[in-house]
N, C-alpha and C. Protein backbone atom coordinates (compact mmCIF):
# COMPACT_ATOMS: atom_id res chain seq x y z
N MET A 1 -10.59 13.38 11.18
CA MET A 1 -11.88 13.89 11.63
C MET A 1 -11.94 15.43 11.58
N GLY A 2 -10.84 16.08 11.96
CA GLY A 2 -10.82 17.54 11.93
C GLY A 2 -10.94 18.07 10.52
N CYS A 3 -10.04 17.62 9.64
CA CYS A 3 -10.11 18.06 8.25
C CYS A 3 -11.39 17.56 7.59
N GLY A 4 -11.82 16.37 7.97
CA GLY A 4 -13.06 15.83 7.42
C GLY A 4 -14.25 16.70 7.76
N SER A 5 -14.27 17.24 8.97
CA SER A 5 -15.38 18.12 9.35
C SER A 5 -15.39 19.37 8.49
N ALA A 6 -14.20 19.86 8.14
CA ALA A 6 -14.12 21.06 7.30
C ALA A 6 -14.56 20.78 5.87
N VAL A 7 -14.08 19.66 5.33
CA VAL A 7 -14.33 19.35 3.91
C VAL A 7 -15.72 18.78 3.68
N LEU A 8 -16.15 17.87 4.52
CA LEU A 8 -17.41 17.17 4.30
C LEU A 8 -18.60 17.82 5.00
N ALA A 9 -18.35 18.46 6.15
CA ALA A 9 -19.47 18.98 6.95
C ALA A 9 -19.37 20.46 7.25
N GLY A 10 -18.35 21.13 6.72
CA GLY A 10 -18.13 22.54 7.04
C GLY A 10 -19.33 23.43 6.79
N ALA A 11 -20.04 23.18 5.69
CA ALA A 11 -21.20 24.01 5.35
C ALA A 11 -22.35 23.80 6.34
N HIS A 12 -22.32 22.69 7.04
CA HIS A 12 -23.39 22.38 7.98
C HIS A 12 -23.05 22.78 9.42
N VAL A 13 -21.79 22.65 9.80
CA VAL A 13 -21.43 22.87 11.21
C VAL A 13 -20.69 24.18 11.45
N GLY A 14 -20.15 24.80 10.39
CA GLY A 14 -19.46 26.08 10.54
C GLY A 14 -18.14 25.97 11.28
N PHE A 15 -17.51 27.11 11.52
CA PHE A 15 -16.21 27.13 12.19
C PHE A 15 -16.27 26.52 13.59
N LEU A 16 -17.36 26.78 14.31
CA LEU A 16 -17.46 26.27 15.68
C LEU A 16 -17.51 24.75 15.68
N GLY A 17 -18.26 24.19 14.77
CA GLY A 17 -18.34 22.73 14.68
C GLY A 17 -17.00 22.12 14.30
N ILE A 18 -16.28 22.78 13.39
CA ILE A 18 -14.96 22.29 12.97
C ILE A 18 -14.00 22.34 14.16
N ALA A 19 -14.07 23.43 14.93
CA ALA A 19 -13.21 23.57 16.11
C ALA A 19 -13.44 22.41 17.08
N PHE A 20 -14.70 22.09 17.32
CA PHE A 20 -15.00 20.98 18.23
C PHE A 20 -14.58 19.64 17.65
N ALA A 21 -14.65 19.48 16.34
CA ALA A 21 -14.21 18.23 15.72
C ALA A 21 -12.73 17.99 15.95
N PHE A 22 -11.92 19.04 15.80
CA PHE A 22 -10.49 18.89 16.05
C PHE A 22 -10.24 18.56 17.52
N GLY A 23 -10.88 19.29 18.41
CA GLY A 23 -10.67 19.07 19.83
C GLY A 23 -11.14 17.71 20.30
N LEU A 24 -12.33 17.31 19.84
CA LEU A 24 -12.87 16.01 20.24
C LEU A 24 -12.03 14.87 19.70
N SER A 25 -11.45 15.05 18.51
CA SER A 25 -10.59 14.01 17.94
C SER A 25 -9.43 13.70 18.86
N VAL A 26 -8.78 14.77 19.34
CA VAL A 26 -7.65 14.57 20.24
C VAL A 26 -8.11 14.03 21.59
N LEU A 27 -9.21 14.55 22.09
CA LEU A 27 -9.72 14.10 23.39
C LEU A 27 -9.97 12.59 23.39
N VAL A 28 -10.69 12.11 22.41
CA VAL A 28 -11.03 10.68 22.41
C VAL A 28 -9.81 9.81 22.15
N MET A 29 -8.88 10.29 21.31
CA MET A 29 -7.69 9.49 21.02
C MET A 29 -6.75 9.44 22.22
N CYS A 30 -6.76 10.49 23.04
CA CYS A 30 -5.96 10.46 24.27
C CYS A 30 -6.33 9.26 25.13
N TYR A 31 -7.62 8.98 25.23
CA TYR A 31 -8.07 7.87 26.05
C TYR A 31 -7.99 6.54 25.32
N ALA A 32 -7.95 6.59 23.99
CA ALA A 32 -7.86 5.34 23.21
C ALA A 32 -6.43 4.82 23.14
N ILE A 33 -5.46 5.71 22.91
CA ILE A 33 -4.08 5.23 22.70
C ILE A 33 -3.06 5.92 23.61
N GLY A 34 -3.54 6.78 24.52
CA GLY A 34 -2.61 7.47 25.40
C GLY A 34 -1.74 6.54 26.21
N HIS A 35 -2.31 5.42 26.64
CA HIS A 35 -1.56 4.47 27.46
C HIS A 35 -0.56 3.67 26.64
N ILE A 36 -0.68 3.72 25.32
CA ILE A 36 0.22 2.98 24.44
C ILE A 36 1.41 3.85 24.01
N SER A 37 1.10 5.06 23.55
CA SER A 37 2.15 5.90 22.96
C SER A 37 2.24 7.30 23.56
N GLY A 38 1.30 7.64 24.43
CA GLY A 38 1.24 9.02 24.90
C GLY A 38 0.37 9.88 24.01
N CYS A 39 -0.06 9.34 22.87
CA CYS A 39 -0.98 10.02 21.95
C CYS A 39 -0.47 11.39 21.52
N HIS A 40 0.76 11.43 20.99
CA HIS A 40 1.28 12.71 20.50
C HIS A 40 0.50 13.18 19.27
N LEU A 41 0.44 12.36 18.24
CA LEU A 41 -0.27 12.67 16.99
C LEU A 41 0.26 13.91 16.28
N ASN A 42 1.37 14.46 16.73
CA ASN A 42 1.76 15.81 16.32
C ASN A 42 3.26 15.99 16.50
N PRO A 43 4.01 16.24 15.41
CA PRO A 43 5.46 16.43 15.55
C PRO A 43 5.84 17.56 16.51
N ALA A 44 5.01 18.60 16.61
CA ALA A 44 5.32 19.70 17.53
C ALA A 44 5.32 19.20 18.98
N ILE A 45 4.40 18.31 19.30
CA ILE A 45 4.36 17.73 20.64
C ILE A 45 5.57 16.84 20.86
N THR A 46 5.87 15.99 19.87
CA THR A 46 7.00 15.08 20.00
C THR A 46 8.31 15.83 20.17
N ILE A 47 8.52 16.86 19.35
CA ILE A 47 9.75 17.65 19.44
C ILE A 47 9.82 18.39 20.77
N SER A 48 8.70 18.88 21.25
CA SER A 48 8.66 19.55 22.56
C SER A 48 9.00 18.56 23.67
N MET A 49 8.44 17.35 23.57
CA MET A 49 8.75 16.32 24.56
C MET A 49 10.22 15.93 24.50
N LEU A 50 10.79 15.88 23.30
CA LEU A 50 12.21 15.58 23.14
C LEU A 50 13.06 16.66 23.80
N SER A 51 12.67 17.91 23.62
CA SER A 51 13.44 19.03 24.17
C SER A 51 13.41 19.07 25.69
N THR A 52 12.40 18.45 26.28
CA THR A 52 12.29 18.43 27.74
C THR A 52 12.71 17.08 28.32
N GLY A 53 13.28 16.21 27.48
CA GLY A 53 13.80 14.94 27.96
C GLY A 53 12.77 13.88 28.26
N LYS A 54 11.56 14.02 27.70
CA LYS A 54 10.50 13.05 28.00
C LYS A 54 10.39 11.94 26.96
N ILE A 55 11.23 12.01 25.91
CA ILE A 55 11.24 10.97 24.88
C ILE A 55 12.65 10.94 24.29
N THR A 56 13.08 9.79 23.83
CA THR A 56 14.41 9.67 23.23
C THR A 56 14.39 10.13 21.78
N GLY A 57 15.57 10.45 21.25
CA GLY A 57 15.66 10.88 19.87
C GLY A 57 15.21 9.80 18.90
N LYS A 58 15.56 8.54 19.20
CA LYS A 58 15.17 7.42 18.34
C LYS A 58 13.65 7.28 18.29
N ASP A 59 13.02 7.33 19.46
CA ASP A 59 11.57 7.22 19.50
C ASP A 59 10.90 8.42 18.84
N ALA A 60 11.47 9.61 19.06
CA ALA A 60 10.90 10.82 18.47
C ALA A 60 10.91 10.73 16.95
N GLY A 61 12.00 10.23 16.38
CA GLY A 61 12.07 10.08 14.92
C GLY A 61 11.00 9.14 14.40
N ALA A 62 10.82 8.01 15.10
CA ALA A 62 9.81 7.04 14.69
C ALA A 62 8.40 7.63 14.81
N TYR A 63 8.16 8.38 15.89
CA TYR A 63 6.86 9.01 16.09
C TYR A 63 6.55 9.97 14.94
N ILE A 64 7.52 10.82 14.59
CA ILE A 64 7.29 11.84 13.57
C ILE A 64 7.02 11.20 12.21
N VAL A 65 7.78 10.17 11.87
CA VAL A 65 7.54 9.47 10.61
C VAL A 65 6.12 8.90 10.59
N ALA A 66 5.71 8.27 11.69
CA ALA A 66 4.37 7.69 11.77
C ALA A 66 3.29 8.76 11.67
N GLN A 67 3.52 9.89 12.31
CA GLN A 67 2.54 10.99 12.29
C GLN A 67 2.34 11.53 10.88
N VAL A 68 3.45 11.75 10.17
CA VAL A 68 3.36 12.30 8.82
C VAL A 68 2.74 11.29 7.86
N LEU A 69 3.15 10.04 7.96
CA LEU A 69 2.55 9.01 7.11
C LEU A 69 1.06 8.87 7.39
N GLY A 70 0.69 8.91 8.66
CA GLY A 70 -0.73 8.82 9.03
C GLY A 70 -1.53 9.96 8.43
N ALA A 71 -0.95 11.16 8.47
CA ALA A 71 -1.65 12.33 7.93
C ALA A 71 -1.82 12.23 6.41
N ILE A 72 -0.81 11.69 5.74
CA ILE A 72 -0.90 11.54 4.27
C ILE A 72 -1.96 10.51 3.91
N ILE A 73 -1.95 9.39 4.62
CA ILE A 73 -2.96 8.35 4.35
C ILE A 73 -4.36 8.87 4.65
N ALA A 74 -4.51 9.59 5.77
CA ALA A 74 -5.82 10.14 6.13
C ALA A 74 -6.30 11.13 5.08
N SER A 75 -5.39 11.95 4.56
CA SER A 75 -5.76 12.93 3.54
C SER A 75 -6.19 12.25 2.25
N ALA A 76 -5.50 11.17 1.90
CA ALA A 76 -5.87 10.40 0.71
C ALA A 76 -7.27 9.80 0.87
N LEU A 77 -7.56 9.27 2.04
CA LEU A 77 -8.88 8.70 2.30
C LEU A 77 -9.96 9.78 2.26
N LEU A 78 -9.65 10.94 2.83
CA LEU A 78 -10.61 12.04 2.83
C LEU A 78 -10.89 12.50 1.40
N LEU A 79 -9.84 12.60 0.60
CA LEU A 79 -10.03 13.00 -0.80
C LEU A 79 -10.89 11.99 -1.55
N PHE A 80 -10.64 10.72 -1.31
CA PHE A 80 -11.42 9.67 -1.97
C PHE A 80 -12.91 9.80 -1.62
N ILE A 81 -13.20 10.01 -0.35
CA ILE A 81 -14.60 10.15 0.09
C ILE A 81 -15.22 11.41 -0.50
N ALA A 82 -14.48 12.52 -0.43
CA ALA A 82 -15.02 13.80 -0.92
C ALA A 82 -15.36 13.75 -2.41
N GLN A 83 -14.57 13.00 -3.17
CA GLN A 83 -14.81 12.91 -4.61
C GLN A 83 -16.08 12.13 -4.95
N GLY A 84 -16.68 11.52 -3.93
CA GLY A 84 -17.95 10.83 -4.15
C GLY A 84 -19.13 11.77 -4.29
N LYS A 85 -18.90 13.05 -4.04
CA LYS A 85 -19.93 14.07 -4.23
C LYS A 85 -19.71 14.71 -5.59
N ALA A 86 -20.74 14.73 -6.40
CA ALA A 86 -20.60 15.10 -7.81
C ALA A 86 -20.00 16.49 -8.01
N ASP A 87 -20.33 17.43 -7.16
CA ASP A 87 -19.86 18.80 -7.38
C ASP A 87 -18.61 19.14 -6.57
N TYR A 88 -17.97 18.12 -6.00
CA TYR A 88 -16.74 18.39 -5.25
C TYR A 88 -15.59 18.67 -6.21
N SER A 89 -14.80 19.67 -5.88
CA SER A 89 -13.61 20.02 -6.65
C SER A 89 -12.46 20.27 -5.70
N LEU A 90 -11.35 19.59 -5.89
CA LEU A 90 -10.19 19.78 -5.03
C LEU A 90 -9.72 21.23 -5.08
N ALA A 91 -9.73 21.80 -6.28
CA ALA A 91 -9.28 23.18 -6.44
C ALA A 91 -10.22 24.16 -5.74
N ALA A 92 -11.51 23.91 -5.83
CA ALA A 92 -12.49 24.85 -5.28
C ALA A 92 -12.80 24.59 -3.82
N ASN A 93 -12.91 23.32 -3.44
CA ASN A 93 -13.33 22.97 -2.08
C ASN A 93 -12.18 22.64 -1.14
N GLY A 94 -11.01 22.34 -1.72
CA GLY A 94 -9.84 22.08 -0.89
C GLY A 94 -9.91 20.78 -0.12
N LEU A 95 -8.94 20.65 0.82
CA LEU A 95 -8.85 19.43 1.61
C LEU A 95 -8.50 19.78 3.06
N GLY A 96 -8.90 20.96 3.47
CA GLY A 96 -8.59 21.39 4.83
C GLY A 96 -7.17 21.89 5.00
N ALA A 97 -6.52 22.29 3.88
CA ALA A 97 -5.15 22.78 3.96
C ALA A 97 -5.11 24.13 4.68
N ASN A 98 -3.99 24.40 5.31
CA ASN A 98 -3.81 25.68 6.00
C ASN A 98 -3.25 26.71 5.04
N GLY A 99 -3.43 28.01 5.38
CA GLY A 99 -2.89 29.05 4.51
C GLY A 99 -2.86 30.41 5.17
N VAL A 100 -2.10 31.29 4.56
CA VAL A 100 -2.04 32.70 4.95
C VAL A 100 -2.31 33.53 3.71
N GLU A 101 -2.52 34.83 3.91
CA GLU A 101 -2.83 35.74 2.81
C GLU A 101 -4.04 35.22 2.02
N ASP A 102 -3.91 34.92 0.75
CA ASP A 102 -5.07 34.45 -0.02
C ASP A 102 -5.55 33.07 0.45
N GLY A 103 -4.67 32.33 1.11
CA GLY A 103 -5.05 31.01 1.61
C GLY A 103 -5.66 31.04 2.99
N SER A 104 -5.66 32.21 3.63
CA SER A 104 -6.25 32.37 4.95
C SER A 104 -7.75 32.55 4.83
N PRO A 105 -8.56 31.90 5.67
CA PRO A 105 -10.01 32.07 5.60
C PRO A 105 -10.45 33.54 5.61
N ASP A 106 -9.79 34.36 6.43
CA ASP A 106 -10.13 35.79 6.48
C ASP A 106 -8.99 36.67 5.97
N HIS A 107 -8.10 36.07 5.18
CA HIS A 107 -7.02 36.80 4.49
C HIS A 107 -6.07 37.53 5.44
N TYR A 108 -5.65 36.84 6.48
CA TYR A 108 -4.63 37.38 7.38
C TYR A 108 -3.26 37.29 6.72
N SER A 109 -2.36 38.18 7.12
CA SER A 109 -1.03 38.26 6.51
C SER A 109 -0.15 37.09 6.92
N LEU A 110 0.96 36.95 6.21
CA LEU A 110 1.95 35.92 6.53
C LEU A 110 2.46 36.09 7.95
N VAL A 111 2.80 37.31 8.33
CA VAL A 111 3.34 37.56 9.67
C VAL A 111 2.31 37.21 10.74
N SER A 112 1.06 37.64 10.54
CA SER A 112 0.00 37.32 11.50
C SER A 112 -0.18 35.82 11.63
N GLY A 113 -0.16 35.13 10.51
CA GLY A 113 -0.35 33.68 10.52
C GLY A 113 0.79 32.97 11.23
N LEU A 114 2.01 33.39 10.97
CA LEU A 114 3.17 32.76 11.60
C LEU A 114 3.16 32.99 13.11
N VAL A 115 2.91 34.22 13.51
CA VAL A 115 2.86 34.54 14.95
C VAL A 115 1.73 33.76 15.63
N ALA A 116 0.58 33.69 14.98
CA ALA A 116 -0.54 32.95 15.55
C ALA A 116 -0.18 31.49 15.76
N GLU A 117 0.47 30.87 14.78
CA GLU A 117 0.84 29.46 14.90
C GLU A 117 1.84 29.24 16.04
N ILE A 118 2.78 30.16 16.18
CA ILE A 118 3.77 30.05 17.26
C ILE A 118 3.09 30.18 18.62
N VAL A 119 2.30 31.23 18.77
CA VAL A 119 1.66 31.51 20.07
C VAL A 119 0.66 30.41 20.44
N LEU A 120 -0.18 30.01 19.50
CA LEU A 120 -1.19 29.01 19.79
C LEU A 120 -0.57 27.65 20.10
N THR A 121 0.51 27.31 19.40
CA THR A 121 1.17 26.03 19.69
C THR A 121 1.86 26.08 21.04
N ALA A 122 2.48 27.21 21.37
CA ALA A 122 3.12 27.35 22.68
C ALA A 122 2.09 27.17 23.80
N LEU A 123 0.93 27.80 23.64
CA LEU A 123 -0.14 27.64 24.62
C LEU A 123 -0.56 26.18 24.71
N PHE A 124 -0.72 25.54 23.58
CA PHE A 124 -1.14 24.14 23.55
C PHE A 124 -0.14 23.26 24.29
N LEU A 125 1.15 23.49 24.07
CA LEU A 125 2.16 22.64 24.70
C LEU A 125 2.29 22.89 26.19
N VAL A 126 2.03 24.11 26.64
CA VAL A 126 2.00 24.35 28.08
C VAL A 126 0.90 23.49 28.71
N VAL A 127 -0.24 23.43 28.05
CA VAL A 127 -1.36 22.62 28.55
C VAL A 127 -1.03 21.14 28.48
N VAL A 128 -0.42 20.70 27.38
CA VAL A 128 -0.05 19.28 27.25
C VAL A 128 0.93 18.87 28.33
N HIS A 129 1.99 19.66 28.50
CA HIS A 129 3.00 19.33 29.53
C HIS A 129 2.39 19.38 30.93
N GLY A 130 1.61 20.39 31.19
CA GLY A 130 1.01 20.54 32.51
C GLY A 130 0.01 19.45 32.83
N SER A 131 -0.79 19.10 31.84
CA SER A 131 -1.84 18.09 32.06
C SER A 131 -1.28 16.70 32.25
N THR A 132 -0.10 16.44 31.67
CA THR A 132 0.48 15.10 31.75
C THR A 132 1.65 15.02 32.73
N SER A 133 1.91 16.09 33.45
CA SER A 133 3.03 16.13 34.39
C SER A 133 2.86 15.12 35.53
N LYS A 134 3.97 14.52 35.92
CA LYS A 134 3.93 13.57 37.05
C LYS A 134 3.57 14.29 38.35
N ASN A 135 3.70 15.62 38.36
CA ASN A 135 3.36 16.40 39.55
C ASN A 135 1.88 16.78 39.59
N ASN A 136 1.16 16.41 38.53
CA ASN A 136 -0.26 16.72 38.45
C ASN A 136 -1.06 15.52 38.96
N ALA A 137 -1.82 15.73 39.99
CA ALA A 137 -2.59 14.63 40.59
C ALA A 137 -3.81 14.26 39.76
N ASN A 138 -4.12 15.06 38.75
CA ASN A 138 -5.33 14.84 37.96
C ASN A 138 -5.02 14.43 36.52
N THR A 139 -3.95 13.66 36.32
CA THR A 139 -3.56 13.29 34.96
C THR A 139 -4.62 12.45 34.24
N LYS A 140 -5.49 11.80 35.00
CA LYS A 140 -6.54 11.00 34.34
C LYS A 140 -7.51 11.88 33.57
N PHE A 141 -7.48 13.18 33.85
CA PHE A 141 -8.33 14.11 33.10
C PHE A 141 -7.56 14.84 32.01
N ALA A 142 -6.32 14.41 31.74
CA ALA A 142 -5.46 15.11 30.78
C ALA A 142 -6.11 15.21 29.41
N GLY A 143 -6.73 14.13 28.98
CA GLY A 143 -7.34 14.14 27.64
C GLY A 143 -8.40 15.21 27.50
N ILE A 144 -9.14 15.47 28.58
CA ILE A 144 -10.20 16.48 28.54
C ILE A 144 -9.61 17.87 28.41
N SER A 145 -8.61 18.19 29.23
CA SER A 145 -8.02 19.53 29.17
C SER A 145 -7.30 19.76 27.85
N ILE A 146 -6.60 18.75 27.35
CA ILE A 146 -5.88 18.89 26.09
C ILE A 146 -6.86 19.05 24.93
N GLY A 147 -7.90 18.23 24.91
CA GLY A 147 -8.89 18.33 23.83
C GLY A 147 -9.63 19.65 23.84
N LEU A 148 -10.01 20.12 25.03
CA LEU A 148 -10.72 21.40 25.12
C LEU A 148 -9.81 22.58 24.77
N CYS A 149 -8.52 22.45 25.12
CA CYS A 149 -7.57 23.50 24.75
C CYS A 149 -7.46 23.59 23.23
N LEU A 150 -7.39 22.43 22.57
CA LEU A 150 -7.30 22.45 21.11
C LEU A 150 -8.57 23.02 20.49
N THR A 151 -9.71 22.73 21.10
CA THR A 151 -10.97 23.32 20.63
C THR A 151 -10.91 24.84 20.74
N LEU A 152 -10.49 25.34 21.88
CA LEU A 152 -10.37 26.78 22.09
C LEU A 152 -9.43 27.41 21.07
N ILE A 153 -8.30 26.77 20.83
CA ILE A 153 -7.33 27.26 19.85
C ILE A 153 -7.96 27.37 18.47
N HIS A 154 -8.76 26.40 18.10
CA HIS A 154 -9.40 26.44 16.78
C HIS A 154 -10.51 27.49 16.71
N ILE A 155 -11.23 27.68 17.80
CA ILE A 155 -12.27 28.72 17.80
C ILE A 155 -11.65 30.07 17.50
N VAL A 156 -10.49 30.33 18.09
CA VAL A 156 -9.80 31.61 17.90
C VAL A 156 -9.07 31.66 16.57
N GLY A 157 -8.40 30.57 16.20
CA GLY A 157 -7.44 30.62 15.10
C GLY A 157 -7.92 30.23 13.72
N ILE A 158 -9.06 29.57 13.58
CA ILE A 158 -9.50 29.14 12.25
C ILE A 158 -9.57 30.30 11.26
N PRO A 159 -10.10 31.46 11.62
CA PRO A 159 -10.15 32.55 10.64
C PRO A 159 -8.77 33.04 10.19
N VAL A 160 -7.74 32.79 11.01
CA VAL A 160 -6.41 33.30 10.69
C VAL A 160 -5.67 32.40 9.70
N THR A 161 -5.56 31.11 10.02
CA THR A 161 -4.80 30.18 9.17
C THR A 161 -5.53 28.88 8.88
N GLY A 162 -6.70 28.70 9.46
CA GLY A 162 -7.34 27.40 9.43
C GLY A 162 -6.85 26.54 10.58
N VAL A 163 -5.83 26.99 11.25
CA VAL A 163 -5.15 26.39 12.40
C VAL A 163 -4.43 25.09 12.04
N SER A 164 -3.14 25.13 12.25
CA SER A 164 -2.33 23.93 12.14
C SER A 164 -1.97 23.44 13.54
N VAL A 165 -1.04 24.14 14.18
CA VAL A 165 -0.40 23.74 15.45
C VAL A 165 0.07 22.29 15.40
N ASN A 166 0.21 21.76 14.19
CA ASN A 166 0.58 20.36 13.98
C ASN A 166 1.11 20.22 12.55
N PRO A 167 2.44 20.13 12.38
CA PRO A 167 3.00 20.02 11.03
C PRO A 167 2.44 18.86 10.21
N ALA A 168 2.22 17.72 10.83
CA ALA A 168 1.70 16.56 10.10
C ALA A 168 0.31 16.85 9.54
N ARG A 169 -0.53 17.49 10.35
CA ARG A 169 -1.89 17.84 9.93
C ARG A 169 -1.86 18.75 8.70
N SER A 170 -0.81 19.58 8.57
CA SER A 170 -0.68 20.48 7.43
C SER A 170 -0.05 19.81 6.22
N ILE A 171 0.93 18.95 6.47
CA ILE A 171 1.64 18.29 5.37
C ILE A 171 0.70 17.41 4.56
N GLY A 172 -0.14 16.62 5.23
CA GLY A 172 -1.03 15.69 4.53
C GLY A 172 -1.88 16.36 3.46
N PRO A 173 -2.75 17.32 3.83
CA PRO A 173 -3.58 17.97 2.83
C PRO A 173 -2.79 18.75 1.78
N ALA A 174 -1.69 19.41 2.19
CA ALA A 174 -0.91 20.24 1.26
C ALA A 174 -0.34 19.43 0.11
N LEU A 175 0.06 18.21 0.37
CA LEU A 175 0.64 17.38 -0.68
C LEU A 175 -0.36 17.09 -1.79
N PHE A 176 -1.63 17.04 -1.44
CA PHE A 176 -2.66 16.77 -2.45
C PHE A 176 -3.19 18.05 -3.09
N VAL A 177 -3.25 19.11 -2.33
CA VAL A 177 -3.79 20.38 -2.85
C VAL A 177 -2.76 21.07 -3.73
N GLY A 178 -1.49 21.05 -3.34
CA GLY A 178 -0.42 21.69 -4.12
C GLY A 178 -0.51 23.21 -4.11
N GLY A 179 0.14 23.85 -5.06
CA GLY A 179 0.06 25.31 -5.22
C GLY A 179 0.49 26.06 -3.98
N HIS A 180 -0.36 27.03 -3.56
CA HIS A 180 -0.06 27.85 -2.40
C HIS A 180 0.05 27.02 -1.13
N ALA A 181 -0.69 25.93 -1.05
CA ALA A 181 -0.64 25.08 0.14
C ALA A 181 0.77 24.53 0.34
N ILE A 182 1.46 24.23 -0.75
CA ILE A 182 2.84 23.75 -0.67
C ILE A 182 3.81 24.90 -0.41
N SER A 183 3.64 25.99 -1.14
CA SER A 183 4.57 27.11 -0.99
C SER A 183 4.50 27.75 0.39
N GLN A 184 3.35 27.66 1.04
CA GLN A 184 3.19 28.23 2.38
C GLN A 184 3.35 27.19 3.49
N LEU A 185 3.64 25.96 3.12
CA LEU A 185 3.70 24.88 4.10
C LEU A 185 4.75 25.12 5.17
N TRP A 186 5.84 25.81 4.82
CA TRP A 186 6.91 26.05 5.79
C TRP A 186 6.38 26.79 7.03
N VAL A 187 5.37 27.66 6.83
CA VAL A 187 4.79 28.40 7.96
C VAL A 187 4.23 27.43 8.99
N PHE A 188 3.64 26.35 8.50
CA PHE A 188 2.93 25.41 9.36
C PHE A 188 3.81 24.25 9.81
N ILE A 189 5.07 24.31 9.43
CA ILE A 189 6.09 23.42 9.98
C ILE A 189 6.93 24.19 11.00
N VAL A 190 7.43 25.34 10.56
CA VAL A 190 8.29 26.16 11.42
C VAL A 190 7.51 26.71 12.62
N GLY A 191 6.33 27.30 12.36
CA GLY A 191 5.54 27.93 13.43
C GLY A 191 5.23 26.98 14.57
N PRO A 192 4.62 25.82 14.30
CA PRO A 192 4.31 24.89 15.39
C PRO A 192 5.54 24.33 16.10
N ILE A 193 6.62 24.08 15.36
CA ILE A 193 7.82 23.55 16.01
C ILE A 193 8.41 24.59 16.96
N VAL A 194 8.52 25.85 16.49
CA VAL A 194 9.03 26.92 17.34
C VAL A 194 8.11 27.10 18.55
N GLY A 195 6.80 27.11 18.30
CA GLY A 195 5.84 27.25 19.40
C GLY A 195 5.93 26.11 20.38
N GLY A 196 6.12 24.89 19.87
CA GLY A 196 6.24 23.73 20.74
C GLY A 196 7.47 23.80 21.63
N LEU A 197 8.58 24.29 21.07
CA LEU A 197 9.81 24.44 21.85
C LEU A 197 9.64 25.53 22.91
N ILE A 198 8.96 26.62 22.54
CA ILE A 198 8.71 27.69 23.51
C ILE A 198 7.80 27.19 24.63
N GLY A 199 6.73 26.49 24.25
CA GLY A 199 5.81 25.95 25.26
C GLY A 199 6.50 24.99 26.20
N GLY A 200 7.36 24.12 25.64
CA GLY A 200 8.10 23.19 26.48
C GLY A 200 9.06 23.91 27.40
N GLY A 201 9.70 24.96 26.88
CA GLY A 201 10.63 25.74 27.69
C GLY A 201 9.93 26.46 28.83
N ILE A 202 8.76 27.02 28.53
CA ILE A 202 7.97 27.70 29.57
C ILE A 202 7.59 26.72 30.65
N TRP A 203 7.11 25.55 30.25
CA TRP A 203 6.68 24.56 31.24
C TRP A 203 7.86 24.06 32.06
N LYS A 204 9.00 23.82 31.41
CA LYS A 204 10.17 23.33 32.13
C LYS A 204 10.65 24.34 33.15
N LEU A 205 10.62 25.61 32.78
CA LEU A 205 11.01 26.67 33.71
C LEU A 205 10.05 26.74 34.88
N TYR A 206 8.77 26.66 34.59
CA TYR A 206 7.75 26.74 35.63
C TYR A 206 7.79 25.52 36.53
N ASP A 207 7.90 24.35 35.92
CA ASP A 207 7.86 23.10 36.68
C ASP A 207 9.07 22.97 37.60
N ARG A 208 10.19 23.57 37.18
CA ARG A 208 11.41 23.52 37.99
C ARG A 208 11.22 24.27 39.30
N ASN A 209 10.37 25.31 39.25
CA ASN A 209 10.14 26.12 40.44
C ASN A 209 9.09 25.46 41.35
């Protein structure tokens, strides 16, 4: 839905609409499958949860495989739908892939993009851990805070990298787009994972006190 909003509806809804599409996607899925799997949807979340002892290594591996496969299948479906428009071009219109420098919506540098992904993911994971903490009496509202946080992150970050904060979300489109999307993919794997570990560490330190 997030990448779909960019590819299929971006010209109609703009960056703000795309930001809300990403946030609303996570918000609604939290309530749809949160009770089944915790609704990670994101290797950065899973790795952060693993680092704080909230998931086993075996389960984390299975989650990450499912997340990446889901993103690839979703990207394939999005490409299929987009090609139904006569003037759609994968090279020209893309598939919602993330990028820095020439691949950045506003041409931000590699360093700026990497730092943004680390910081924004760290912020996201502090909210995820805090909203779902057993010490939080309002966990039934976790989906709302997590979804709105992701919306806020996209409002700020879309001009910089298109916003990943989720390696799976970046891997899916990049595999189909190729070129710079592949060569820059490491930024959107390393950045969110590092940010997720930092966010988990911050929350663990805070929660301990």
